[in-house]
Each structure stands twice: as structure tokens, then as C-alpha cells.
All heavy atoms as atom14 arrays in JSON, in Angstrom:
{
  "sequence": "DIRSILSGLNFASFDYSTPISSLSGGQKTRLALGKLLLSKPELLILDE",
  "atom14_mask": [
    [1, 1, 1, 1, 1, 1, 1, 1, 0, 0, 0, 0, 0, 0],
    [1, 1, 1, 1, 1, 1, 1, 1, 0, 0, 0, 0, 0, 0],
    [1, 1, 1, 1, 1, 1, 1, 1, 1, 1, 1, 0, 0, 0],
    [1, 1, 1, 1, 1, 1, 0, 0, 0, 0, 0, 0, 0, 0],
    [1, 1, 1, 1, 1, 1, 1, 1, 0, 0, 0, 0, 0, 0],
    [1, 1, 1, 1, 1, 1, 1, 1, 0, 0, 0, 0, 0, 0],
    [1, 1, 1, 1, 1, 1, 0, 0, 0, 0, 0, 0, 0, 0],
    [1, 1, 1, 1, 0, 0, 0, 0, 0, 0, 0, 0, 0, 0],
    [1, 1, 1, 1, 1, 1, 1, 1, 0, 0, 0, 0, 0, 0],
    [1, 1, 1, 1, 1, 1, 1, 1, 0, 0, 0, 0, 0, 0],
    [1, 1, 1, 1, 1, 1, 1, 1, 1, 1, 1, 0, 0, 0],
    [1, 1, 1, 1, 1, 0, 0, 0, 0, 0, 0, 0, 0, 0],
    [1, 1, 1, 1, 1, 1, 0, 0, 0, 0, 0, 0, 0, 0],
    [1, 1, 1, 1, 1, 1, 1, 1, 1, 1, 1, 0, 0, 0],
    [1, 1, 1, 1, 1, 1, 1, 1, 0, 0, 0, 0, 0, 0],
    [1, 1, 1, 1, 1, 1, 1, 1, 1, 1, 1, 1, 0, 0],
    [1, 1, 1, 1, 1, 1, 0, 0, 0, 0, 0, 0, 0, 0],
    [1, 1, 1, 1, 1, 1, 1, 0, 0, 0, 0, 0, 0, 0],
    [1, 1, 1, 1, 1, 1, 1, 0, 0, 0, 0, 0, 0, 0],
    [1, 1, 1, 1, 1, 1, 1, 1, 0, 0, 0, 0, 0, 0],
    [1, 1, 1, 1, 1, 1, 0, 0, 0, 0, 0, 0, 0, 0],
    [1, 1, 1, 1, 1, 1, 0, 0, 0, 0, 0, 0, 0, 0],
    [1, 1, 1, 1, 1, 1, 1, 1, 0, 0, 0, 0, 0, 0],
    [1, 1, 1, 1, 1, 1, 0, 0, 0, 0, 0, 0, 0, 0],
    [1, 1, 1, 1, 0, 0, 0, 0, 0, 0, 0, 0, 0, 0],
    [1, 1, 1, 1, 0, 0, 0, 0, 0, 0, 0, 0, 0, 0],
    [1, 1, 1, 1, 1, 1, 1, 1, 1, 0, 0, 0, 0, 0],
    [1, 1, 1, 1, 1, 1, 1, 1, 1, 0, 0, 0, 0, 0],
    [1, 1, 1, 1, 1, 1, 1, 0, 0, 0, 0, 0, 0, 0],
    [1, 1, 1, 1, 1, 1, 1, 1, 1, 1, 1, 0, 0, 0],
    [1, 1, 1, 1, 1, 1, 1, 1, 0, 0, 0, 0, 0, 0],
    [1, 1, 1, 1, 1, 0, 0, 0, 0, 0, 0, 0, 0, 0],
    [1, 1, 1, 1, 1, 1, 1, 1, 0, 0, 0, 0, 0, 0],
    [1, 1, 1, 1, 0, 0, 0, 0, 0, 0, 0, 0, 0, 0],
    [1, 1, 1, 1, 1, 1, 1, 1, 1, 0, 0, 0, 0, 0],
    [1, 1, 1, 1, 1, 1, 1, 1, 0, 0, 0, 0, 0, 0],
    [1, 1, 1, 1, 1, 1, 1, 1, 0, 0, 0, 0, 0, 0],
    [1, 1, 1, 1, 1, 1, 1, 1, 0, 0, 0, 0, 0, 0],
    [1, 1, 1, 1, 1, 1, 0, 0, 0, 0, 0, 0, 0, 0],
    [1, 1, 1, 1, 1, 1, 1, 1, 1, 0, 0, 0, 0, 0],
    [1, 1, 1, 1, 1, 1, 1, 0, 0, 0, 0, 0, 0, 0],
    [1, 1, 1, 1, 1, 1, 1, 1, 1, 0, 0, 0, 0, 0],
    [1, 1, 1, 1, 1, 1, 1, 1, 0, 0, 0, 0, 0, 0],
    [1, 1, 1, 1, 1, 1, 1, 1, 0, 0, 0, 0, 0, 0],
    [1, 1, 1, 1, 1, 1, 1, 1, 0, 0, 0, 0, 0, 0],
    [1, 1, 1, 1, 1, 1, 1, 1, 0, 0, 0, 0, 0, 0],
    [1, 1, 1, 1, 1, 1, 1, 1, 0, 0, 0, 0, 0, 0],
    [1, 1, 1, 1, 1, 1, 1, 1, 1, 0, 0, 0, 0, 0]
  ],
  "atom14_positions": [
    [[7.3, 2.16, -10.12], [7.41, 1.63, -8.68], [6.12, 1.63, -7.94], [5.86, 0.68, -7.22], [8.44, 2.71, -7.93], [9.86, 2.59, -8.4], [10.17, 1.54, -9.03], [10.69, 3.6, -8.07], [0.0, 0.0, 0.0], [0.0, 0.0, 0.0], [0.0, 0.0, 0.0], [0.0, 0.0, 0.0], [0.0, 0.0, 0.0], [0.0, 0.0, 0.0]],
    [[5.2, 2.58, -8.16], [3.92, 2.63, -7.56], [3.11, 1.41, -7.88], [2.62, 0.66, -7.22], [3.22, 3.9, -7.84], [3.73, 5.06, -7.06], [1.66, 3.74, -7.38], [3.16, 6.41, -7.54], [0.0, 0.0, 0.0], [0.0, 0.0, 0.0], [0.0, 0.0, 0.0], [0.0, 0.0, 0.0], [0.0, 0.0, 0.0], [0.0, 0.0, 0.0]],
    [[3.17, 1.23, -9.31], [2.33, 0.02, -9.72], [3.07, -1.25, -9.27], [2.24, -2.23, -8.9], [2.43, 0.02, -11.25], [1.55, 1.03, -11.89], [1.36, 0.93, -13.46], [0.41, 2.02, -14.04], [0.84, 3.16, -14.42], [2.15, 3.44, -14.45], [-0.05, 3.9, -14.85], [0.0, 0.0, 0.0], [0.0, 0.0, 0.0], [0.0, 0.0, 0.0]],
    [[4.29, -1.43, -9.13], [4.96, -2.65, -8.64], [4.61, -2.92, -7.28], [4.28, -3.97, -6.9], [6.4, -2.48, -8.8], [7.13, -3.54, -8.15], [0.0, 0.0, 0.0], [0.0, 0.0, 0.0], [0.0, 0.0, 0.0], [0.0, 0.0, 0.0], [0.0, 0.0, 0.0], [0.0, 0.0, 0.0], [0.0, 0.0, 0.0], [0.0, 0.0, 0.0]],
    [[4.68, -1.83, -6.43], [4.32, -2.1, -4.96], [2.82, -2.43, -4.79], [2.44, -3.33, -4.08], [4.62, -0.74, -4.16], [6.07, -0.35, -4.05], [3.86, -0.67, -2.86], [6.76, -1.4, -3.26], [0.0, 0.0, 0.0], [0.0, 0.0, 0.0], [0.0, 0.0, 0.0], [0.0, 0.0, 0.0], [0.0, 0.0, 0.0], [0.0, 0.0, 0.0]],
    [[1.87, -1.64, -5.57], [0.43, -1.95, -5.46], [0.15, -3.36, -5.94], [-0.68, -4.14, -5.29], [-0.41, -1.03, -6.3], [-0.34, 0.45, -5.79], [-1.17, 1.47, -6.63], [-1.14, 0.46, -4.31], [0.0, 0.0, 0.0], [0.0, 0.0, 0.0], [0.0, 0.0, 0.0], [0.0, 0.0, 0.0], [0.0, 0.0, 0.0], [0.0, 0.0, 0.0]],
    [[0.84, -3.83, -6.94], [0.7, -5.21, -7.48], [1.17, -6.2, -6.44], [0.49, -7.23, -6.04], [1.39, -5.38, -8.83], [1.32, -6.72, -9.26], [0.0, 0.0, 0.0], [0.0, 0.0, 0.0], [0.0, 0.0, 0.0], [0.0, 0.0, 0.0], [0.0, 0.0, 0.0], [0.0, 0.0, 0.0], [0.0, 0.0, 0.0], [0.0, 0.0, 0.0]],
    [[2.31, -5.86, -5.86], [2.81, -6.94, -4.84], [1.95, -6.99, -3.57], [1.86, -8.08, -2.95], [0.0, 0.0, 0.0], [0.0, 0.0, 0.0], [0.0, 0.0, 0.0], [0.0, 0.0, 0.0], [0.0, 0.0, 0.0], [0.0, 0.0, 0.0], [0.0, 0.0, 0.0], [0.0, 0.0, 0.0], [0.0, 0.0, 0.0], [0.0, 0.0, 0.0]],
    [[1.29, -5.85, -3.25], [0.31, -5.85, -2.13], [-1.01, -6.18, -2.45], [-2.09, -5.95, -1.58], [0.42, -4.51, -1.42], [1.73, -4.12, -0.83], [1.8, -2.78, -0.2], [1.98, -5.26, 0.42], [0.0, 0.0, 0.0], [0.0, 0.0, 0.0], [0.0, 0.0, 0.0], [0.0, 0.0, 0.0], [0.0, 0.0, 0.0], [0.0, 0.0, 0.0]],
    [[-1.29, -6.8, -3.59], [-2.51, -7.47, -3.99], [-3.48, -6.37, -4.29], [-4.7, -6.48, -4.05], [-3.09, -8.38, -2.9], [-3.89, -9.44, -3.53], [-3.93, -9.72, -4.64], [-4.65, -10.09, -2.49], [0.0, 0.0, 0.0], [0.0, 0.0, 0.0], [0.0, 0.0, 0.0], [0.0, 0.0, 0.0], [0.0, 0.0, 0.0], [0.0, 0.0, 0.0]],
    [[-3.18, -5.27, -4.95], [-3.98, -4.29, -5.44], [-4.1, -4.15, -7.05], [-4.55, -3.27, -7.55], [-3.7, -2.93, -5.0], [-4.0, -2.71, -3.57], [-3.08, -2.96, -2.49], [-5.27, -2.38, -3.06], [-3.44, -2.79, -1.07], [-5.69, -2.22, -1.71], [-4.71, -2.35, -0.83], [0.0, 0.0, 0.0], [0.0, 0.0, 0.0], [0.0, 0.0, 0.0]],
    [[-3.47, -5.16, -7.7], [-3.4, -5.11, -9.2], [-4.66, -5.05, -9.89], [-4.87, -4.38, -10.89], [-2.56, -6.31, -9.61], [0.0, 0.0, 0.0], [0.0, 0.0, 0.0], [0.0, 0.0, 0.0], [0.0, 0.0, 0.0], [0.0, 0.0, 0.0], [0.0, 0.0, 0.0], [0.0, 0.0, 0.0], [0.0, 0.0, 0.0], [0.0, 0.0, 0.0]],
    [[-5.75, -5.73, -9.21], [-7.03, -5.77, -9.85], [-7.91, -4.66, -9.53], [-9.1, -4.47, -9.93], [-7.68, -7.13, -9.41], [-7.91, -7.24, -7.94], [0.0, 0.0, 0.0], [0.0, 0.0, 0.0], [0.0, 0.0, 0.0], [0.0, 0.0, 0.0], [0.0, 0.0, 0.0], [0.0, 0.0, 0.0], [0.0, 0.0, 0.0], [0.0, 0.0, 0.0]],
    [[-7.39, -3.84, -8.68], [-8.2, -2.57, -8.22], [-8.12, -1.57, -9.26], [-7.18, -1.21, -9.95], [-7.67, -1.94, -6.92], [-8.09, -2.82, -5.68], [-7.77, -4.15, -5.5], [-9.0, -2.13, -4.74], [-8.16, -4.79, -4.33], [-9.39, -2.9, -3.55], [-9.01, -4.13, -3.55], [0.0, 0.0, 0.0], [0.0, 0.0, 0.0], [0.0, 0.0, 0.0]],
    [[-9.27, -0.7, -9.3], [-9.31, 0.53, -10.04], [-8.59, 1.54, -9.22], [-9.05, 1.82, -7.95], [-10.74, 0.96, -10.21], [-10.84, 2.37, -10.99], [-9.79, 2.95, -11.17], [-11.92, 2.64, -11.51], [0.0, 0.0, 0.0], [0.0, 0.0, 0.0], [0.0, 0.0, 0.0], [0.0, 0.0, 0.0], [0.0, 0.0, 0.0], [0.0, 0.0, 0.0]],
    [[-7.44, 2.12, -9.63], [-6.61, 2.97, -8.76], [-7.24, 4.3, -8.38], [-6.84, 5.1, -7.59], [-5.3, 3.29, -9.43], [-4.31, 2.05, -9.55], [-3.26, 1.99, -10.4], [-4.58, 0.93, -8.67], [-2.43, 0.93, -10.39], [-3.84, -0.12, -8.74], [-2.74, -0.13, -9.62], [-1.92, -1.34, -9.65], [0.0, 0.0, 0.0], [0.0, 0.0, 0.0]],
    [[-8.45, 4.61, -9.1], [-9.19, 5.81, -8.75], [-10.13, 5.5, -7.6], [-10.84, 6.35, -7.14], [-10.02, 6.34, -9.9], [-10.9, 5.29, -10.33], [0.0, 0.0, 0.0], [0.0, 0.0, 0.0], [0.0, 0.0, 0.0], [0.0, 0.0, 0.0], [0.0, 0.0, 0.0], [0.0, 0.0, 0.0], [0.0, 0.0, 0.0], [0.0, 0.0, 0.0]],
    [[-10.06, 4.28, -6.98], [-10.94, 3.86, -5.84], [-10.69, 4.81, -4.56], [-9.46, 4.86, -4.22], [-10.81, 2.48, -5.51], [-11.17, 1.62, -6.7], [-11.73, 1.99, -4.32], [0.0, 0.0, 0.0], [0.0, 0.0, 0.0], [0.0, 0.0, 0.0], [0.0, 0.0, 0.0], [0.0, 0.0, 0.0], [0.0, 0.0, 0.0], [0.0, 0.0, 0.0]],
    [[-11.65, 5.5, -4.05], [-11.38, 6.16, -2.85], [-10.83, 5.36, -1.65], [-11.41, 4.29, -1.49], [-12.63, 6.8, -2.39], [-13.54, 6.81, -3.6], [-13.04, 5.43, -4.37], [0.0, 0.0, 0.0], [0.0, 0.0, 0.0], [0.0, 0.0, 0.0], [0.0, 0.0, 0.0], [0.0, 0.0, 0.0], [0.0, 0.0, 0.0], [0.0, 0.0, 0.0]],
    [[-9.73, 5.71, -0.97], [-9.28, 4.95, 0.13], [-10.21, 4.66, 1.31], [-10.34, 3.65, 1.91], [-7.95, 5.55, 0.66], [-6.86, 5.43, -0.36], [-7.52, 4.94, 1.96], [-5.59, 6.11, -0.06], [0.0, 0.0, 0.0], [0.0, 0.0, 0.0], [0.0, 0.0, 0.0], [0.0, 0.0, 0.0], [0.0, 0.0, 0.0], [0.0, 0.0, 0.0]],
    [[-11.15, 5.76, 1.44], [-12.12, 5.65, 2.54], [-13.16, 4.49, 2.26], [-13.86, 4.14, 3.26], [-12.97, 7.03, 2.51], [-13.54, 7.24, 1.29], [0.0, 0.0, 0.0], [0.0, 0.0, 0.0], [0.0, 0.0, 0.0], [0.0, 0.0, 0.0], [0.0, 0.0, 0.0], [0.0, 0.0, 0.0], [0.0, 0.0, 0.0], [0.0, 0.0, 0.0]],
    [[-13.26, 3.96, 1.1], [-14.23, 2.87, 0.81], [-13.62, 1.55, 1.0], [-14.3, 0.58, 0.85], [-14.69, 2.9, -0.6], [-13.65, 2.71, -1.58], [0.0, 0.0, 0.0], [0.0, 0.0, 0.0], [0.0, 0.0, 0.0], [0.0, 0.0, 0.0], [0.0, 0.0, 0.0], [0.0, 0.0, 0.0], [0.0, 0.0, 0.0], [0.0, 0.0, 0.0]],
    [[-12.27, 1.45, 1.39], [-11.66, 0.18, 1.52], [-11.87, -0.38, 3.04], [-12.14, 0.31, 3.9], [-10.07, 0.36, 1.27], [-9.68, 0.81, -0.09], [-8.24, 1.01, -0.39], [-10.18, -0.05, -1.26], [0.0, 0.0, 0.0], [0.0, 0.0, 0.0], [0.0, 0.0, 0.0], [0.0, 0.0, 0.0], [0.0, 0.0, 0.0], [0.0, 0.0, 0.0]],
    [[-11.55, -1.67, 3.15], [-11.57, -2.4, 4.42], [-10.37, -2.04, 5.25], [-9.38, -1.41, 4.68], [-11.62, -3.87, 4.24], [-10.46, -4.32, 3.69], [0.0, 0.0, 0.0], [0.0, 0.0, 0.0], [0.0, 0.0, 0.0], [0.0, 0.0, 0.0], [0.0, 0.0, 0.0], [0.0, 0.0, 0.0], [0.0, 0.0, 0.0], [0.0, 0.0, 0.0]],
    [[-10.4, -2.35, 6.54], [-9.33, -2.08, 7.46], [-8.02, -2.68, 6.91], [-7.01, -2.05, 7.03], [0.0, 0.0, 0.0], [0.0, 0.0, 0.0], [0.0, 0.0, 0.0], [0.0, 0.0, 0.0], [0.0, 0.0, 0.0], [0.0, 0.0, 0.0], [0.0, 0.0, 0.0], [0.0, 0.0, 0.0], [0.0, 0.0, 0.0], [0.0, 0.0, 0.0]],
    [[-8.17, -4.07, 6.6], [-6.93, -4.64, 6.13], [-6.28, -4.17, 4.95], [-5.16, -3.99, 4.78], [0.0, 0.0, 0.0], [0.0, 0.0, 0.0], [0.0, 0.0, 0.0], [0.0, 0.0, 0.0], [0.0, 0.0, 0.0], [0.0, 0.0, 0.0], [0.0, 0.0, 0.0], [0.0, 0.0, 0.0], [0.0, 0.0, 0.0], [0.0, 0.0, 0.0]],
    [[-7.22, -3.72, 4.0], [-6.69, -3.05, 2.71], [-5.99, -1.69, 3.02], [-4.95, -1.48, 2.46], [-7.95, -2.88, 1.76], [-8.39, -4.14, 1.18], [-9.68, -3.96, 0.51], [-10.51, -3.07, 0.68], [-10.17, -4.96, -0.31], [0.0, 0.0, 0.0], [0.0, 0.0, 0.0], [0.0, 0.0, 0.0], [0.0, 0.0, 0.0], [0.0, 0.0, 0.0]],
    [[-6.59, -1.1, 3.93], [-5.87, 0.31, 4.42], [-4.59, 0.07, 4.96], [-3.61, 0.85, 4.9], [-6.91, 1.08, 5.24], [-8.08, 1.55, 4.66], [-8.94, 2.32, 5.77], [-10.29, 2.88, 5.12], [-11.13, 3.49, 6.04], [0.0, 0.0, 0.0], [0.0, 0.0, 0.0], [0.0, 0.0, 0.0], [0.0, 0.0, 0.0], [0.0, 0.0, 0.0]],
    [[-4.5, -1.11, 5.84], [-3.21, -1.41, 6.44], [-2.1, -1.71, 5.37], [-0.9, -1.28, 5.44], [-3.42, -2.52, 7.37], [-4.39, -2.22, 8.4], [-2.06, -2.95, 8.06], [0.0, 0.0, 0.0], [0.0, 0.0, 0.0], [0.0, 0.0, 0.0], [0.0, 0.0, 0.0], [0.0, 0.0, 0.0], [0.0, 0.0, 0.0], [0.0, 0.0, 0.0]],
    [[-2.68, -2.41, 4.38], [-1.53, -2.74, 3.26], [-1.18, -1.51, 2.64], [-0.03, -1.5, 2.12], [-2.22, -3.95, 2.36], [-2.18, -5.33, 3.01], [-2.61, -6.35, 1.83], [-4.16, -6.35, 1.74], [-4.8, -6.24, 0.64], [-4.22, -6.11, -0.54], [-6.11, -6.33, 0.69], [0.0, 0.0, 0.0], [0.0, 0.0, 0.0], [0.0, 0.0, 0.0]],
    [[-2.11, -0.62, 2.31], [-1.69, 0.63, 1.63], [-0.84, 1.4, 2.47], [0.13, 2.12, 1.85], [-2.97, 1.42, 1.27], [-3.83, 1.03, 0.03], [-5.03, 1.95, -0.11], [-2.94, 1.0, -1.16], [0.0, 0.0, 0.0], [0.0, 0.0, 0.0], [0.0, 0.0, 0.0], [0.0, 0.0, 0.0], [0.0, 0.0, 0.0], [0.0, 0.0, 0.0]],
    [[-1.02, 1.45, 3.87], [-0.04, 2.16, 4.69], [1.37, 1.6, 4.54], [2.33, 2.34, 4.42], [-0.62, 2.14, 6.09], [0.0, 0.0, 0.0], [0.0, 0.0, 0.0], [0.0, 0.0, 0.0], [0.0, 0.0, 0.0], [0.0, 0.0, 0.0], [0.0, 0.0, 0.0], [0.0, 0.0, 0.0], [0.0, 0.0, 0.0], [0.0, 0.0, 0.0]],
    [[1.43, 0.32, 4.45], [2.76, -0.37, 4.29], [3.21, -0.01, 2.85], [4.53, 0.32, 2.72], [2.61, -1.85, 4.42], [3.72, -2.8, 4.02], [4.91, -2.45, 5.01], [3.45, -4.27, 4.19], [0.0, 0.0, 0.0], [0.0, 0.0, 0.0], [0.0, 0.0, 0.0], [0.0, 0.0, 0.0], [0.0, 0.0, 0.0], [0.0, 0.0, 0.0]],
    [[2.5, -0.01, 1.85], [2.91, 0.31, 0.57], [3.32, 1.75, 0.5], [4.55, 1.98, -0.18], [0.0, 0.0, 0.0], [0.0, 0.0, 0.0], [0.0, 0.0, 0.0], [0.0, 0.0, 0.0], [0.0, 0.0, 0.0], [0.0, 0.0, 0.0], [0.0, 0.0, 0.0], [0.0, 0.0, 0.0], [0.0, 0.0, 0.0], [0.0, 0.0, 0.0]],
    [[2.76, 2.69, 1.03], [3.17, 4.1, 1.07], [4.54, 4.11, 1.75], [5.39, 4.98, 1.29], [2.13, 4.98, 1.69], [2.42, 6.38, 1.56], [1.31, 7.33, 2.12], [1.54, 8.7, 2.0], [0.56, 9.58, 2.59], [0.0, 0.0, 0.0], [0.0, 0.0, 0.0], [0.0, 0.0, 0.0], [0.0, 0.0, 0.0], [0.0, 0.0, 0.0]],
    [[4.68, 3.48, 2.82], [5.99, 3.53, 3.61], [7.14, 2.89, 2.8], [8.24, 3.52, 2.61], [5.93, 2.75, 4.93], [7.16, 2.79, 5.81], [7.49, 4.14, 6.21], [6.74, 1.88, 7.04], [0.0, 0.0, 0.0], [0.0, 0.0, 0.0], [0.0, 0.0, 0.0], [0.0, 0.0, 0.0], [0.0, 0.0, 0.0], [0.0, 0.0, 0.0]],
    [[6.86, 1.84, 2.14], [7.91, 1.18, 1.23], [8.31, 2.12, 0.11], [9.55, 2.25, -0.26], [7.44, -0.14, 0.65], [7.16, -1.27, 1.73], [6.58, -2.47, 1.01], [8.34, -1.56, 2.59], [0.0, 0.0, 0.0], [0.0, 0.0, 0.0], [0.0, 0.0, 0.0], [0.0, 0.0, 0.0], [0.0, 0.0, 0.0], [0.0, 0.0, 0.0]],
    [[7.35, 2.9, -0.48], [7.7, 3.68, -1.54], [8.51, 5.05, -1.12], [9.35, 5.49, -1.85], [6.36, 4.33, -2.17], [5.66, 3.35, -3.12], [4.18, 3.9, -3.46], [6.37, 3.0, -4.33], [0.0, 0.0, 0.0], [0.0, 0.0, 0.0], [0.0, 0.0, 0.0], [0.0, 0.0, 0.0], [0.0, 0.0, 0.0], [0.0, 0.0, 0.0]],
    [[8.39, 5.32, 0.21], [9.09, 6.49, 0.78], [10.67, 6.07, 0.86], [11.52, 7.06, 0.97], [8.6, 7.02, 2.0], [8.85, 5.99, 3.03], [0.0, 0.0, 0.0], [0.0, 0.0, 0.0], [0.0, 0.0, 0.0], [0.0, 0.0, 0.0], [0.0, 0.0, 0.0], [0.0, 0.0, 0.0], [0.0, 0.0, 0.0], [0.0, 0.0, 0.0]],
    [[11.0, 4.79, 0.92], [12.3, 4.36, 0.96], [13.21, 4.99, 2.0], [14.29, 5.62, 1.65], [13.1, 4.33, -0.38], [12.31, 3.5, -1.45], [12.92, 3.72, -2.82], [12.09, 2.81, -3.9], [12.66, 3.04, -5.27], [0.0, 0.0, 0.0], [0.0, 0.0, 0.0], [0.0, 0.0, 0.0], [0.0, 0.0, 0.0], [0.0, 0.0, 0.0]],
    [[12.87, 4.99, 3.28], [13.71, 5.57, 4.38], [14.89, 4.82, 4.48], [15.16, 3.69, 4.24], [12.8, 5.49, 5.59], [11.9, 4.32, 5.36], [11.66, 4.36, 3.86], [0.0, 0.0, 0.0], [0.0, 0.0, 0.0], [0.0, 0.0, 0.0], [0.0, 0.0, 0.0], [0.0, 0.0, 0.0], [0.0, 0.0, 0.0], [0.0, 0.0, 0.0]],
    [[16.06, 5.44, 5.04], [17.26, 4.76, 5.43], [17.03, 3.62, 6.43], [17.76, 2.74, 6.58], [18.35, 5.81, 5.83], [18.86, 6.69, 4.68], [18.12, 7.78, 4.47], [17.09, 8.07, 5.09], [18.49, 8.7, 3.61], [0.0, 0.0, 0.0], [0.0, 0.0, 0.0], [0.0, 0.0, 0.0], [0.0, 0.0, 0.0], [0.0, 0.0, 0.0]],
    [[16.12, 3.9, 7.46], [15.78, 3.1, 8.48], [14.34, 2.79, 8.43], [13.56, 3.63, 8.71], [16.17, 3.48, 9.81], [16.01, 2.64, 11.04], [16.52, 1.25, 10.9], [16.36, 3.38, 12.42], [0.0, 0.0, 0.0], [0.0, 0.0, 0.0], [0.0, 0.0, 0.0], [0.0, 0.0, 0.0], [0.0, 0.0, 0.0], [0.0, 0.0, 0.0]],
    [[13.91, 1.42, 8.1], [12.5, 1.2, 8.07], [12.14, 0.47, 9.38], [12.82, -0.64, 9.72], [12.39, 0.14, 6.85], [10.94, -0.25, 6.36], [10.19, 1.04, 5.88], [11.13, -1.28, 5.15], [0.0, 0.0, 0.0], [0.0, 0.0, 0.0], [0.0, 0.0, 0.0], [0.0, 0.0, 0.0], [0.0, 0.0, 0.0], [0.0, 0.0, 0.0]],
    [[11.17, 0.84, 10.04], [10.81, 0.37, 11.32], [9.44, -0.3, 11.16], [8.4, 0.48, 10.85], [10.73, 1.4, 12.46], [12.16, 2.03, 12.61], [10.35, 0.82, 13.81], [12.22, 3.19, 13.58], [0.0, 0.0, 0.0], [0.0, 0.0, 0.0], [0.0, 0.0, 0.0], [0.0, 0.0, 0.0], [0.0, 0.0, 0.0], [0.0, 0.0, 0.0]],
    [[9.19, -1.53, 11.32], [7.92, -2.18, 11.04], [7.46, -3.01, 12.38], [8.21, -3.78, 12.81], [8.12, -3.21, 9.91], [8.61, -2.5, 8.59], [8.91, -3.68, 7.53], [7.6, -1.52, 8.08], [0.0, 0.0, 0.0], [0.0, 0.0, 0.0], [0.0, 0.0, 0.0], [0.0, 0.0, 0.0], [0.0, 0.0, 0.0], [0.0, 0.0, 0.0]],
    [[6.28, -2.77, 12.71], [5.71, -3.49, 13.84], [4.63, -4.43, 13.37], [3.56, -3.98, 12.97], [5.1, -2.42, 14.85], [4.8, -3.14, 16.16], [4.92, -4.48, 16.34], [4.35, -2.45, 17.15], [0.0, 0.0, 0.0], [0.0, 0.0, 0.0], [0.0, 0.0, 0.0], [0.0, 0.0, 0.0], [0.0, 0.0, 0.0], [0.0, 0.0, 0.0]],
    [[4.89, -5.69, 13.31], [3.98, -6.72, 12.74], [3.37, -6.32, 11.31], [2.29, -6.35, 11.17], [2.73, -6.81, 13.84], [3.12, -7.51, 15.14], [3.43, -9.07, 14.98], [3.46, -9.63, 13.93], [3.9, -9.58, 15.97], [0.0, 0.0, 0.0], [0.0, 0.0, 0.0], [0.0, 0.0, 0.0], [0.0, 0.0, 0.0], [0.0, 0.0, 0.0]]
  ]
}
């Protein structure tokens, strides 16, 4: 599931050991979205 989400959010070519602190703002936003999707809450609230 993790690999599927990361691939869908355009991280397939990344080394998964890459520190998040070294990423751009847009990449961090996509990772925040990916982490939320993986948590699979009963109610998903998304702002833009």
C-alpha cells in the first residue's frame, strides 16, 4: 500500500531513504496527502 501511494503521488523514482527535510515544499505537501490516504479515516477532509 505504501509503495502504491508513493508511486501514485510521483515518488516512484525516489530513494525512499531520502530525508523528508531535504524535499521541496510541493513534495512535502504530496507526502502529507499520501500519509493521510494511508491512514484511511472514515471521513476524509481535504482542502485544495
